[in-house]
Amino acid sequence: RGDGTFTLDSLPGGSWTAEARAIGFTPVRQPVSLRRSAPATVAMTFD
């Protein structure tokens, strides 16, 4: 969204990799650990 936030729900638990892509930037990846019992937060910054 305009404030840079996003939401994904109903993802399987475990260790995953989140990837952000935007025109004009090199994609950036960040590891994220997901659990069904609690939401996860990941901050991603394009370099």
PDB file of all heavy atoms in Angstrom:
ATOM      1  N   ARG A   1       0.851  -1.185   0.000  1.00  0.00           N
ATOM      2  CA  ARG A   1       0.000   0.000   0.000  1.00  0.00           C
ATOM      3  C   ARG A   1       0.894   1.245   0.000  1.00  0.00           C
ATOM      4  O   ARG A   1       2.115   1.144   0.035  1.00  0.00           O
ATOM      5  CB  ARG A   1      -0.899  -0.028   1.236  1.00  0.00           C
ATOM      6  CG  ARG A   1      -1.871  -1.229   1.220  1.00  0.00           C
ATOM      7  CD  ARG A   1      -2.733  -1.270   2.468  1.00  0.00           C
ATOM      8  NE  ARG A   1      -2.067  -1.867   3.614  1.00  0.00           N
ATOM      9  CZ  ARG A   1      -2.005  -3.168   3.862  1.00  0.00           C
ATOM     10  NH1 ARG A   1      -2.533  -4.036   3.023  1.00  0.00           N
ATOM     11  NH2 ARG A   1      -1.394  -3.614   4.938  1.00  0.00           N
ATOM     12  N   GLY A   2       0.286   2.410   0.001  1.00  0.00           N
ATOM     13  CA  GLY A   2       1.025   3.671  -0.043  1.00  0.00           C
ATOM     14  C   GLY A   2       2.002   3.863   1.100  1.00  0.00           C
ATOM     15  O   GLY A   2       2.995   4.566   0.970  1.00  0.00           O
ATOM     16  N   ASP A   3       1.728   3.228   2.243  1.00  0.00           N
ATOM     17  CA  ASP A   3       2.634   3.350   3.387  1.00  0.00           C
ATOM     18  C   ASP A   3       3.693   2.249   3.409  1.00  0.00           C
ATOM     19  O   ASP A   3       4.433   2.099   4.374  1.00  0.00           O
ATOM     20  CB  ASP A   3       1.847   3.349   4.693  1.00  0.00           C
ATOM     21  CG  ASP A   3       1.075   2.062   4.934  1.00  0.00           C
ATOM     22  OD1 ASP A   3       1.079   1.166   4.056  1.00  0.00           O
ATOM     23  OD2 ASP A   3       0.450   1.946   6.005  1.00  0.00           O
ATOM     24  N   GLY A   4       3.775   1.459   2.320  1.00  0.00           N
ATOM     25  CA  GLY A   4       4.795   0.417   2.207  1.00  0.00           C
ATOM     26  C   GLY A   4       4.429  -0.893   2.878  1.00  0.00           C
ATOM     27  O   GLY A   4       5.195  -1.842   2.828  1.00  0.00           O
ATOM     28  N   THR A   5       3.250  -0.973   3.507  1.00  0.00           N
ATOM     29  CA  THR A   5       2.865  -2.199   4.195  1.00  0.00           C
ATOM     30  C   THR A   5       2.135  -3.150   3.259  1.00  0.00           C
ATOM     31  O   THR A   5       1.586  -2.749   2.234  1.00  0.00           O
ATOM     32  CB  THR A   5       1.970  -1.906   5.412  1.00  0.00           C
ATOM     33  OG1 THR A   5       0.758  -1.290   4.963  1.00  0.00           O
ATOM     34  CG2 THR A   5       2.688  -1.009   6.414  1.00  0.00           C
ATOM     35  N   PHE A   6       2.119  -4.410   3.639  1.00  0.00           N
ATOM     36  CA  PHE A   6       1.408  -5.440   2.895  1.00  0.00           C
ATOM     37  C   PHE A   6       0.945  -6.491   3.891  1.00  0.00           C
ATOM     38  O   PHE A   6       1.437  -6.568   5.013  1.00  0.00           O
ATOM     39  CB  PHE A   6       2.308  -6.079   1.827  1.00  0.00           C
ATOM     40  CG  PHE A   6       3.483  -6.827   2.398  1.00  0.00           C
ATOM     41  CD1 PHE A   6       3.403  -8.191   2.617  1.00  0.00           C
ATOM     42  CD2 PHE A   6       4.651  -6.158   2.722  1.00  0.00           C
ATOM     43  CE1 PHE A   6       4.486  -8.879   3.155  1.00  0.00           C
ATOM     44  CE2 PHE A   6       5.733  -6.837   3.256  1.00  0.00           C
ATOM     45  CZ  PHE A   6       5.650  -8.204   3.472  1.00  0.00           C
ATOM     46  N   THR A   7       0.000  -7.300   3.469  1.00  0.00           N
ATOM     47  CA  THR A   7      -0.511  -8.376   4.314  1.00  0.00           C
ATOM     48  C   THR A   7      -0.659  -9.641   3.485  1.00  0.00           C
ATOM     49  O   THR A   7      -1.206  -9.608   2.390  1.00  0.00           O
ATOM     50  CB  THR A   7      -1.888  -8.010   4.909  1.00  0.00           C
ATOM     51  OG1 THR A   7      -1.779  -6.788   5.632  1.00  0.00           O
ATOM     52  CG2 THR A   7      -2.394  -9.100   5.827  1.00  0.00           C
ATOM     53  N   LEU A   8      -0.158 -10.724   4.015  1.00  0.00           N
ATOM     54  CA  LEU A   8      -0.371 -12.053   3.456  1.00  0.00           C
ATOM     55  C   LEU A   8      -0.868 -12.924   4.607  1.00  0.00           C
ATOM     56  O   LEU A   8      -0.266 -12.916   5.679  1.00  0.00           O
ATOM     57  CB  LEU A   8       0.926 -12.638   2.900  1.00  0.00           C
ATOM     58  CG  LEU A   8       1.385 -12.089   1.565  1.00  0.00           C
ATOM     59  CD1 LEU A   8       2.835 -12.457   1.309  1.00  0.00           C
ATOM     60  CD2 LEU A   8       0.510 -12.632   0.455  1.00  0.00           C
ATOM     61  N   ASP A   9      -1.945 -13.647   4.385  1.00  0.00           N
ATOM     62  CA  ASP A   9      -2.438 -14.510   5.463  1.00  0.00           C
ATOM     63  C   ASP A   9      -2.581 -15.943   4.978  1.00  0.00           C
ATOM     64  O   ASP A   9      -2.411 -16.243   3.800  1.00  0.00           O
ATOM     65  CB  ASP A   9      -3.755 -13.994   6.043  1.00  0.00           C
ATOM     66  CG  ASP A   9      -4.869 -13.923   5.014  1.00  0.00           C
ATOM     67  OD1 ASP A   9      -4.727 -14.478   3.920  1.00  0.00           O
ATOM     68  OD2 ASP A   9      -5.888 -13.305   5.323  1.00  0.00           O
ATOM     69  N   SER A  10      -2.831 -16.828   5.917  1.00  0.00           N
ATOM     70  CA  SER A  10      -3.034 -18.257   5.648  1.00  0.00           C
ATOM     71  C   SER A  10      -1.817 -18.910   4.993  1.00  0.00           C
ATOM     72  O   SER A  10      -1.955 -19.803   4.156  1.00  0.00           O
ATOM     73  CB  SER A  10      -4.279 -18.471   4.781  1.00  0.00           C
ATOM     74  OG  SER A  10      -5.404 -17.921   5.403  1.00  0.00           O
ATOM     75  N   LEU A  11      -0.639 -18.467   5.381  1.00  0.00           N
ATOM     76  CA  LEU A  11       0.590 -19.080   4.876  1.00  0.00           C
ATOM     77  C   LEU A  11       0.980 -20.254   5.762  1.00  0.00           C
ATOM     78  O   LEU A  11       0.689 -20.261   6.963  1.00  0.00           O
ATOM     79  CB  LEU A  11       1.730 -18.064   4.868  1.00  0.00           C
ATOM     80  CG  LEU A  11       1.606 -16.940   3.847  1.00  0.00           C
ATOM     81  CD1 LEU A  11       2.572 -15.830   4.163  1.00  0.00           C
ATOM     82  CD2 LEU A  11       1.833 -17.473   2.447  1.00  0.00           C
ATOM     83  N   PRO A  12       1.647 -21.255   5.216  1.00  0.00           N
ATOM     84  CA  PRO A  12       2.082 -22.384   6.039  1.00  0.00           C
ATOM     85  C   PRO A  12       3.212 -21.976   6.971  1.00  0.00           C
ATOM     86  O   PRO A  12       4.015 -21.094   6.659  1.00  0.00           O
ATOM     87  CB  PRO A  12       2.566 -23.407   5.003  1.00  0.00           C
ATOM     88  CG  PRO A  12       2.893 -22.612   3.791  1.00  0.00           C
ATOM     89  CD  PRO A  12       1.993 -21.411   3.804  1.00  0.00           C
ATOM     90  N   GLY A  13       3.261 -22.597   8.130  1.00  0.00           N
ATOM     91  CA  GLY A  13       4.334 -22.322   9.081  1.00  0.00           C
ATOM     92  C   GLY A  13       5.665 -22.841   8.575  1.00  0.00           C
ATOM     93  O   GLY A  13       5.731 -23.674   7.674  1.00  0.00           O
ATOM     94  N   GLY A  14       6.738 -22.319   9.139  1.00  0.00           N
ATOM     95  CA  GLY A  14       8.078 -22.762   8.782  1.00  0.00           C
ATOM     96  C   GLY A  14       8.975 -21.606   8.402  1.00  0.00           C
ATOM     97  O   GLY A  14       8.614 -20.438   8.531  1.00  0.00           O
ATOM     98  N   SER A  15      10.162 -21.939   7.949  1.00  0.00           N
ATOM     99  CA  SER A  15      11.132 -20.931   7.523  1.00  0.00           C
ATOM    100  C   SER A  15      10.983 -20.711   6.028  1.00  0.00           C
ATOM    101  O   SER A  15      11.038 -21.664   5.240  1.00  0.00           O
ATOM    102  CB  SER A  15      12.557 -21.397   7.832  1.00  0.00           C
ATOM    103  OG  SER A  15      12.725 -21.503   9.223  1.00  0.00           O
ATOM    104  N   TRP A  16      10.800 -19.464   5.639  1.00  0.00           N
ATOM    105  CA  TRP A  16      10.562 -19.096   4.254  1.00  0.00           C
ATOM    106  C   TRP A  16      11.429 -17.898   3.886  1.00  0.00           C
ATOM    107  O   TRP A  16      12.054 -17.292   4.740  1.00  0.00           O
ATOM    108  CB  TRP A  16       9.088 -18.752   4.029  1.00  0.00           C
ATOM    109  CG  TRP A  16       8.177 -19.898   4.293  1.00  0.00           C
ATOM    110  CD1 TRP A  16       7.563 -20.203   5.485  1.00  0.00           C
ATOM    111  CD2 TRP A  16       7.801 -20.915   3.391  1.00  0.00           C
ATOM    112  NE1 TRP A  16       6.815 -21.343   5.352  1.00  0.00           N
ATOM    113  CE2 TRP A  16       6.945 -21.803   4.075  1.00  0.00           C
ATOM    114  CE3 TRP A  16       8.097 -21.167   2.055  1.00  0.00           C
ATOM    115  CZ2 TRP A  16       6.386 -22.918   3.467  1.00  0.00           C
ATOM    116  CZ3 TRP A  16       7.529 -22.277   1.448  1.00  0.00           C
ATOM    117  CH2 TRP A  16       6.685 -23.138   2.150  1.00  0.00           C
ATOM    118  N   THR A  17      11.397 -17.548   2.626  1.00  0.00           N
ATOM    119  CA  THR A  17      12.085 -16.362   2.150  1.00  0.00           C
ATOM    120  C   THR A  17      11.063 -15.437   1.503  1.00  0.00           C
ATOM    121  O   THR A  17      10.319 -15.858   0.616  1.00  0.00           O
ATOM    122  CB  THR A  17      13.179 -16.712   1.125  1.00  0.00           C
ATOM    123  OG1 THR A  17      14.124 -17.592   1.749  1.00  0.00           O
ATOM    124  CG2 THR A  17      13.893 -15.469   0.621  1.00  0.00           C
ATOM    125  N   ALA A  18      11.025 -14.198   1.978  1.00  0.00           N
ATOM    126  CA  ALA A  18      10.167 -13.175   1.368  1.00  0.00           C
ATOM    127  C   ALA A  18      11.025 -12.405   0.375  1.00  0.00           C
ATOM    128  O   ALA A  18      12.208 -12.127   0.628  1.00  0.00           O
ATOM    129  CB  ALA A  18       9.612 -12.239   2.429  1.00  0.00           C
ATOM    130  N   GLU A  19      10.443 -12.070  -0.761  1.00  0.00           N
ATOM    131  CA  GLU A  19      11.148 -11.313  -1.790  1.00  0.00           C
ATOM    132  C   GLU A  19      10.294 -10.116  -2.184  1.00  0.00           C
ATOM    133  O   GLU A  19       9.103 -10.263  -2.426  1.00  0.00           O
ATOM    134  CB  GLU A  19      11.420 -12.185  -3.017  1.00  0.00           C
ATOM    135  CG  GLU A  19      12.146 -11.436  -4.127  1.00  0.00           C
ATOM    136  CD  GLU A  19      12.437 -12.334  -5.310  1.00  0.00           C
ATOM    137  OE1 GLU A  19      11.571 -12.442  -6.192  1.00  0.00           O
ATOM    138  OE2 GLU A  19      13.533 -12.913  -5.328  1.00  0.00           O
ATOM    139  N   ALA A  20      10.907  -8.940  -2.234  1.00  0.00           N
ATOM    140  CA  ALA A  20      10.224  -7.732  -2.686  1.00  0.00           C
ATOM    141  C   ALA A  20      10.801  -7.323  -4.031  1.00  0.00           C
ATOM    142  O   ALA A  20      12.015  -7.384  -4.243  1.00  0.00           O
ATOM    143  CB  ALA A  20      10.390  -6.610  -1.666  1.00  0.00           C
ATOM    144  N   ARG A  21       9.901  -6.885  -4.921  1.00  0.00           N
ATOM    145  CA  ARG A  21      10.301  -6.439  -6.260  1.00  0.00           C
ATOM    146  C   ARG A  21       9.595  -5.136  -6.569  1.00  0.00           C
ATOM    147  O   ARG A  21       8.422  -4.973  -6.243  1.00  0.00           O
ATOM    148  CB  ARG A  21       9.894  -7.463  -7.319  1.00  0.00           C
ATOM    149  CG  ARG A  21      10.621  -8.758  -7.225  1.00  0.00           C
ATOM    150  CD  ARG A  21      10.115  -9.756  -8.267  1.00  0.00           C
ATOM    151  NE  ARG A  21      11.013 -10.872  -8.357  1.00  0.00           N
ATOM    152  CZ  ARG A  21      12.006 -10.977  -9.236  1.00  0.00           C
ATOM    153  NH1 ARG A  21      12.202 -10.031 -10.115  1.00  0.00           N
ATOM    154  NH2 ARG A  21      12.788 -12.022  -9.249  1.00  0.00           N
ATOM    155  N   ALA A  22      10.320  -4.222  -7.177  1.00  0.00           N
ATOM    156  CA  ALA A  22       9.741  -2.957  -7.627  1.00  0.00           C
ATOM    157  C   ALA A  22      10.531  -2.492  -8.843  1.00  0.00           C
ATOM    158  O   ALA A  22      11.746  -2.711  -8.931  1.00  0.00           O
ATOM    159  CB  ALA A  22       9.801  -1.903  -6.523  1.00  0.00           C
ATOM    160  N   ILE A  23       9.839  -1.854  -9.752  1.00  0.00           N
ATOM    161  CA  ILE A  23      10.491  -1.354 -10.957  1.00  0.00           C
ATOM    162  C   ILE A  23      11.570  -0.345 -10.567  1.00  0.00           C
ATOM    163  O   ILE A  23      11.336   0.549  -9.754  1.00  0.00           O
ATOM    164  CB  ILE A  23       9.465  -0.721 -11.912  1.00  0.00           C
ATOM    165  CG1 ILE A  23       8.530  -1.811 -12.433  1.00  0.00           C
ATOM    166  CG2 ILE A  23      10.150   0.019 -13.060  1.00  0.00           C
ATOM    167  CD1 ILE A  23       7.382  -1.309 -13.257  1.00  0.00           C
ATOM    168  N   GLY A  24      12.744  -0.515 -11.126  1.00  0.00           N
ATOM    169  CA  GLY A  24      13.855   0.386 -10.868  1.00  0.00           C
ATOM    170  C   GLY A  24      14.761  -0.051  -9.734  1.00  0.00           C
ATOM    171  O   GLY A  24      15.741   0.618  -9.433  1.00  0.00           O
ATOM    172  N   PHE A  25      14.451  -1.193  -9.096  1.00  0.00           N
ATOM    173  CA  PHE A  25      15.251  -1.679  -7.972  1.00  0.00           C
ATOM    174  C   PHE A  25      15.656  -3.124  -8.184  1.00  0.00           C
ATOM    175  O   PHE A  25      14.917  -3.909  -8.790  1.00  0.00           O
ATOM    176  CB  PHE A  25      14.456  -1.608  -6.665  1.00  0.00           C
ATOM    177  CG  PHE A  25      14.158  -0.216  -6.209  1.00  0.00           C
ATOM    178  CD1 PHE A  25      12.962   0.387  -6.534  1.00  0.00           C
ATOM    179  CD2 PHE A  25      15.073   0.498  -5.448  1.00  0.00           C
ATOM    180  CE1 PHE A  25      12.669   1.666  -6.115  1.00  0.00           C
ATOM    181  CE2 PHE A  25      14.791   1.777  -5.035  1.00  0.00           C
ATOM    182  CZ  PHE A  25      13.593   2.366  -5.362  1.00  0.00           C
ATOM    183  N   THR A  26      16.807  -3.485  -7.642  1.00  0.00           N
ATOM    184  CA  THR A  26      17.220  -4.880  -7.595  1.00  0.00           C
ATOM    185  C   THR A  26      16.356  -5.576  -6.550  1.00  0.00           C
ATOM    186  O   THR A  26      16.194  -5.041  -5.450  1.00  0.00           O
ATOM    187  CB  THR A  26      18.712  -4.986  -7.203  1.00  0.00           C
ATOM    188  OG1 THR A  26      19.491  -4.281  -8.169  1.00  0.00           O
ATOM    189  CG2 THR A  26      19.163  -6.425  -7.121  1.00  0.00           C
ATOM    190  N   PRO A  27      15.785  -6.748  -6.857  1.00  0.00           N
ATOM    191  CA  PRO A  27      14.962  -7.441  -5.852  1.00  0.00           C
ATOM    192  C   PRO A  27      15.743  -7.671  -4.557  1.00  0.00           C
ATOM    193  O   PRO A  27      16.963  -7.835  -4.571  1.00  0.00           O
ATOM    194  CB  PRO A  27      14.624  -8.773  -6.529  1.00  0.00           C
ATOM    195  CG  PRO A  27      14.748  -8.494  -7.982  1.00  0.00           C
ATOM    196  CD  PRO A  27      15.853  -7.483  -8.110  1.00  0.00           C
ATOM    197  N   VAL A  28      15.018  -7.671  -3.449  1.00  0.00           N
ATOM    198  CA  VAL A  28      15.632  -7.887  -2.142  1.00  0.00           C
ATOM    199  C   VAL A  28      14.919  -9.057  -1.465  1.00  0.00           C
ATOM    200  O   VAL A  28      13.710  -9.228  -1.611  1.00  0.00           O
ATOM    201  CB  VAL A  28      15.584  -6.596  -1.282  1.00  0.00           C
ATOM    202  CG1 VAL A  28      14.178  -6.146  -1.030  1.00  0.00           C
ATOM    203  CG2 VAL A  28      16.327  -6.760   0.014  1.00  0.00           C
ATOM    204  N   ARG A  29      15.696  -9.897  -0.770  1.00  0.00           N
ATOM    205  CA  ARG A  29      15.147 -11.066  -0.078  1.00  0.00           C
ATOM    206  C   ARG A  29      15.440 -10.980   1.411  1.00  0.00           C
ATOM    207  O   ARG A  29      16.471 -10.448   1.810  1.00  0.00           O
ATOM    208  CB  ARG A  29      15.744 -12.353  -0.642  1.00  0.00           C
ATOM    209  CG  ARG A  29      15.271 -12.650  -2.042  1.00  0.00           C
ATOM    210  CD  ARG A  29      15.821 -13.948  -2.536  1.00  0.00           C
ATOM    211  NE  ARG A  29      15.248 -14.268  -3.851  1.00  0.00           N
ATOM    212  CZ  ARG A  29      15.535 -15.350  -4.519  1.00  0.00           C
ATOM    213  NH1 ARG A  29      16.373 -16.250  -4.023  1.00  0.00           N
ATOM    214  NH2 ARG A  29      14.974 -15.565  -5.698  1.00  0.00           N
ATOM    215  N   GLN A  30      14.516 -11.544   2.189  1.00  0.00           N
ATOM    216  CA  GLN A  30      14.640 -11.521   3.643  1.00  0.00           C
ATOM    217  C   GLN A  30      14.080 -12.840   4.182  1.00  0.00           C
ATOM    218  O   GLN A  30      12.970 -13.227   3.828  1.00  0.00           O
ATOM    219  CB  GLN A  30      13.838 -10.339   4.187  1.00  0.00           C
ATOM    220  CG  GLN A  30      13.906 -10.141   5.654  1.00  0.00           C
ATOM    221  CD  GLN A  30      15.204  -9.497   6.071  1.00  0.00           C
ATOM    222  OE1 GLN A  30      15.865  -8.837   5.292  1.00  0.00           O
ATOM    223  NE2 GLN A  30      15.584  -9.705   7.295  1.00  0.00           N
ATOM    224  N   PRO A  31      14.823 -13.549   5.057  1.00  0.00           N
ATOM    225  CA  PRO A  31      14.260 -14.754   5.664  1.00  0.00           C
ATOM    226  C   PRO A  31      13.148 -14.374   6.644  1.00  0.00           C
ATOM    227  O   PRO A  31      13.203 -13.318   7.278  1.00  0.00           O
ATOM    228  CB  PRO A  31      15.445 -15.390   6.396  1.00  0.00           C
ATOM    229  CG  PRO A  31      16.426 -14.300   6.583  1.00  0.00           C
ATOM    230  CD  PRO A  31      16.192 -13.290   5.502  1.00  0.00           C
ATOM    231  N   VAL A  32      12.146 -15.235   6.741  1.00  0.00           N
ATOM    232  CA  VAL A  32      11.046 -14.995   7.675  1.00  0.00           C
ATOM    233  C   VAL A  32      10.603 -16.341   8.246  1.00  0.00           C
ATOM    234  O   VAL A  32      10.523 -17.334   7.532  1.00  0.00           O
ATOM    235  CB  VAL A  32       9.874 -14.241   7.001  1.00  0.00           C
ATOM    236  CG1 VAL A  32       9.303 -15.024   5.849  1.00  0.00           C
ATOM    237  CG2 VAL A  32       8.796 -13.886   7.994  1.00  0.00           C
ATOM    238  N   SER A  33      10.374 -16.368   9.550  1.00  0.00           N
ATOM    239  CA  SER A  33       9.903 -17.563  10.230  1.00  0.00           C
ATOM    240  C   SER A  33       8.421 -17.387  10.524  1.00  0.00           C
ATOM    241  O   SER A  33       8.028 -16.440  11.212  1.00  0.00           O
ATOM    242  CB  SER A  33      10.691 -17.769  11.530  1.00  0.00           C
ATOM    243  OG  SER A  33      10.256 -18.942  12.168  1.00  0.00           O
ATOM    244  N   LEU A  34       7.606 -18.282   9.992  1.00  0.00           N
ATOM    245  CA  LEU A  34       6.160 -18.168  10.139  1.00  0.00           C
ATOM    246  C   LEU A  34       5.630 -19.228  11.101  1.00  0.00           C
ATOM    247  O   LEU A  34       6.039 -20.379  11.058  1.00  0.00           O
ATOM    248  CB  LEU A  34       5.483 -18.342   8.774  1.00  0.00           C
ATOM    249  CG  LEU A  34       5.908 -17.374   7.678  1.00  0.00           C
ATOM    250  CD1 LEU A  34       5.227 -17.731   6.371  1.00  0.00           C
ATOM    251  CD2 LEU A  34       5.579 -15.943   8.083  1.00  0.00           C
ATOM    252  N   ARG A  35       4.730 -18.775  11.973  1.00  0.00           N
ATOM    253  CA  ARG A  35       4.038 -19.682  12.892  1.00  0.00           C
ATOM    254  C   ARG A  35       2.547 -19.424  12.774  1.00  0.00           C
ATOM    255  O   ARG A  35       2.128 -18.276  12.610  1.00  0.00           O
ATOM    256  CB  ARG A  35       4.485 -19.432  14.334  1.00  0.00           C
ATOM    257  CG  ARG A  35       5.939 -19.781  14.562  1.00  0.00           C
ATOM    258  CD  ARG A  35       6.337 -19.604  15.990  1.00  0.00           C
ATOM    259  NE  ARG A  35       6.125 -18.196  16.379  1.00  0.00           N
ATOM    260  CZ  ARG A  35       6.048 -17.773  17.615  1.00  0.00           C
ATOM    261  NH1 ARG A  35       6.138 -18.616  18.608  1.00  0.00           N
ATOM    262  NH2 ARG A  35       5.879 -16.502  17.878  1.00  0.00           N
ATOM    263  N   ARG A  36       1.775 -20.465  12.876  1.00  0.00           N
ATOM    264  CA  ARG A  36       0.325 -20.315  12.778  1.00  0.00           C
ATOM    265  C   ARG A  36      -0.251 -19.525  13.949  1.00  0.00           C
ATOM    266  O   ARG A  36      -1.288 -18.902  13.830  1.00  0.00           O
ATOM    267  CB  ARG A  36      -0.350 -21.671  12.703  1.00  0.00           C
ATOM    268  CG  ARG A  36      -0.072 -22.380  11.405  1.00  0.00           C
ATOM    269  CD  ARG A  36      -0.805 -23.715  11.370  1.00  0.00           C
ATOM    270  NE  ARG A  36      -0.516 -24.390  10.134  1.00  0.00           N
ATOM    271  CZ  ARG A  36      -1.378 -24.487   9.142  1.00  0.00           C
ATOM    272  NH1 ARG A  36      -2.571 -23.957   9.260  1.00  0.00           N
ATOM    273  NH2 ARG A  36      -1.051 -25.115   8.052  1.00  0.00           N
ATOM    274  N   SER A  37       0.413 -19.537  15.085  1.00  0.00           N
ATOM    275  CA  SER A  37      -0.137 -18.925  16.296  1.00  0.00           C
ATOM    276  C   SER A  37       0.128 -17.433  16.433  1.00  0.00           C
ATOM    277  O   SER A  37      -0.437 -16.794  17.308  1.00  0.00           O
ATOM    278  CB  SER A  37       0.418 -19.646  17.525  1.00  0.00           C
ATOM    279  OG  SER A  37       1.834 -19.544  17.540  1.00  0.00           O
ATOM    280  N   ALA A  38       1.008 -16.872  15.614  1.00  0.00           N
ATOM    281  CA  ALA A  38       1.349 -15.459  15.773  1.00  0.00           C
ATOM    282  C   ALA A  38       1.719 -14.846  14.425  1.00  0.00           C
ATOM    283  O   ALA A  38       2.348 -15.500  13.600  1.00  0.00           O
ATOM    284  CB  ALA A  38       2.522 -15.303  16.744  1.00  0.00           C
ATOM    285  N   PRO A  39       1.326 -13.589  14.202  1.00  0.00           N
ATOM    286  CA  PRO A  39       1.723 -12.930  12.950  1.00  0.00           C
ATOM    287  C   PRO A  39       3.227 -12.653  12.921  1.00  0.00           C
ATOM    288  O   PRO A  39       3.853 -12.481  13.958  1.00  0.00           O
ATOM    289  CB  PRO A  39       0.925 -11.622  12.951  1.00  0.00           C
ATOM    290  CG  PRO A  39       0.510 -11.412  14.359  1.00  0.00           C
ATOM    291  CD  PRO A  39       0.509 -12.743  15.043  1.00  0.00           C
ATOM    292  N   ALA A  40       3.785 -12.617  11.750  1.00  0.00           N
ATOM    293  CA  ALA A  40       5.201 -12.297  11.567  1.00  0.00           C
ATOM    294  C   ALA A  40       5.309 -10.948  10.870  1.00  0.00           C
ATOM    295  O   ALA A  40       4.451 -10.570  10.084  1.00  0.00           O
ATOM    296  CB  ALA A  40       5.894 -13.376  10.742  1.00  0.00           C
ATOM    297  N   THR A  41       6.367 -10.242  11.181  1.00  0.00           N
ATOM    298  CA  THR A  41       6.633  -8.954  10.552  1.00  0.00           C
ATOM    299  C   THR A  41       8.004  -9.023   9.896  1.00  0.00           C
ATOM    300  O   THR A  41       8.944  -9.565  10.473  1.00  0.00           O
ATOM    301  CB  THR A  41       6.624  -7.822  11.604  1.00  0.00           C
ATOM    302  OG1 THR A  41       5.349  -7.819  12.248  1.00  0.00           O
ATOM    303  CG2 THR A  41       6.869  -6.479  10.975  1.00  0.00           C
ATOM    304  N   VAL A  42       8.090  -8.469   8.705  1.00  0.00           N
ATOM    305  CA  VAL A  42       9.373  -8.417   8.008  1.00  0.00           C
ATOM    306  C   VAL A  42       9.536  -7.018   7.430  1.00  0.00           C
ATOM    307  O   VAL A  42       8.590  -6.445   6.896  1.00  0.00           O
ATOM    308  CB  VAL A  42       9.483  -9.514   6.922  1.00  0.00           C
ATOM    309  CG1 VAL A  42       8.426  -9.342   5.864  1.00  0.00           C
ATOM    310  CG2 VAL A  42      10.856  -9.546   6.300  1.00  0.00           C
ATOM    311  N   ALA A  43      10.717  -6.442   7.617  1.00  0.00           N
ATOM    312  CA  ALA A  43      11.032  -5.125   7.045  1.00  0.00           C
ATOM    313  C   ALA A  43      12.017  -5.335   5.910  1.00  0.00           C
ATOM    314  O   ALA A  43      13.018  -6.019   6.070  1.00  0.00           O
ATOM    315  CB  ALA A  43      11.627  -4.219   8.111  1.00  0.00           C
ATOM    316  N   MET A  44      11.708  -4.745   4.767  1.00  0.00           N
ATOM    317  CA  MET A  44      12.556  -4.915   3.599  1.00  0.00           C
ATOM    318  C   MET A  44      12.888  -3.549   3.019  1.00  0.00           C
ATOM    319  O   MET A  44      11.996  -2.716   2.836  1.00  0.00           O
ATOM    320  CB  MET A  44      11.846  -5.793   2.576  1.00  0.00           C
ATOM    321  CG  MET A  44      11.456  -7.148   3.165  1.00  0.00           C
ATOM    322  SD  MET A  44      10.468  -8.151   2.061  1.00  0.00           S
ATOM    323  CE  MET A  44      11.765  -8.881   1.099  1.00  0.00           C
ATOM    324  N   THR A  45      14.178  -3.331   2.740  1.00  0.00           N
ATOM    325  CA  THR A  45      14.634  -2.056   2.184  1.00  0.00           C
ATOM    326  C   THR A  45      15.458  -2.335   0.943  1.00  0.00           C
ATOM    327  O   THR A  45      16.399  -3.134   0.973  1.00  0.00           O
ATOM    328  CB  THR A  45      15.484  -1.286   3.210  1.00  0.00           C
ATOM    329  OG1 THR A  45      14.706  -1.086   4.393  1.00  0.00           O
ATOM    330  CG2 THR A  45      15.926   0.054   2.659  1.00  0.00           C
ATOM    331  N   PHE A  46      15.098  -1.658  -0.137  1.00  0.00           N
ATOM    332  CA  PHE A  46      15.869  -1.782  -1.368  1.00  0.00           C
ATOM    333  C   PHE A  46      17.151  -0.983  -1.226  1.00  0.00           C
ATOM    334  O   PHE A  46      17.144   0.149  -0.746  1.00  0.00           O
ATOM    335  CB  PHE A  46      15.070  -1.249  -2.562  1.00  0.00           C
ATOM    336  CG  PHE A  46      13.922  -2.128  -2.949  1.00  0.00           C
ATOM    337  CD1 PHE A  46      12.632  -1.816  -2.592  1.00  0.00           C
ATOM    338  CD2 PHE A  46      14.137  -3.284  -3.684  1.00  0.00           C
ATOM    339  CE1 PHE A  46      11.565  -2.621  -2.956  1.00  0.00           C
ATOM    340  CE2 PHE A  46      13.086  -4.101  -4.056  1.00  0.00           C
ATOM    341  CZ  PHE A  46      11.797  -3.766  -3.686  1.00  0.00           C
ATOM    342  N   ASP A  47      18.267  -1.579  -1.652  1.00  0.00           N
ATOM    343  CA  ASP A  47      19.564  -0.910  -1.582  1.00  0.00           C
ATOM    344  C   ASP A  47      19.986  -0.345  -2.924  1.00  0.00           C
ATOM    345  O   ASP A  47      20.527   0.741  -2.996  1.00  0.00           O
ATOM    346  CB  ASP A  47      20.644  -1.881  -1.108  1.00  0.00           C
ATOM    347  CG  ASP A  47      20.457  -2.284   0.336  1.00  0.00           C
ATOM    348  OD1 ASP A  47      19.980  -1.462   1.127  1.00  0.00           O
ATOM    349  OD2 ASP A  47      20.782  -3.437   0.664  1.00  0.00           O
TER     350      ASP A  47
END
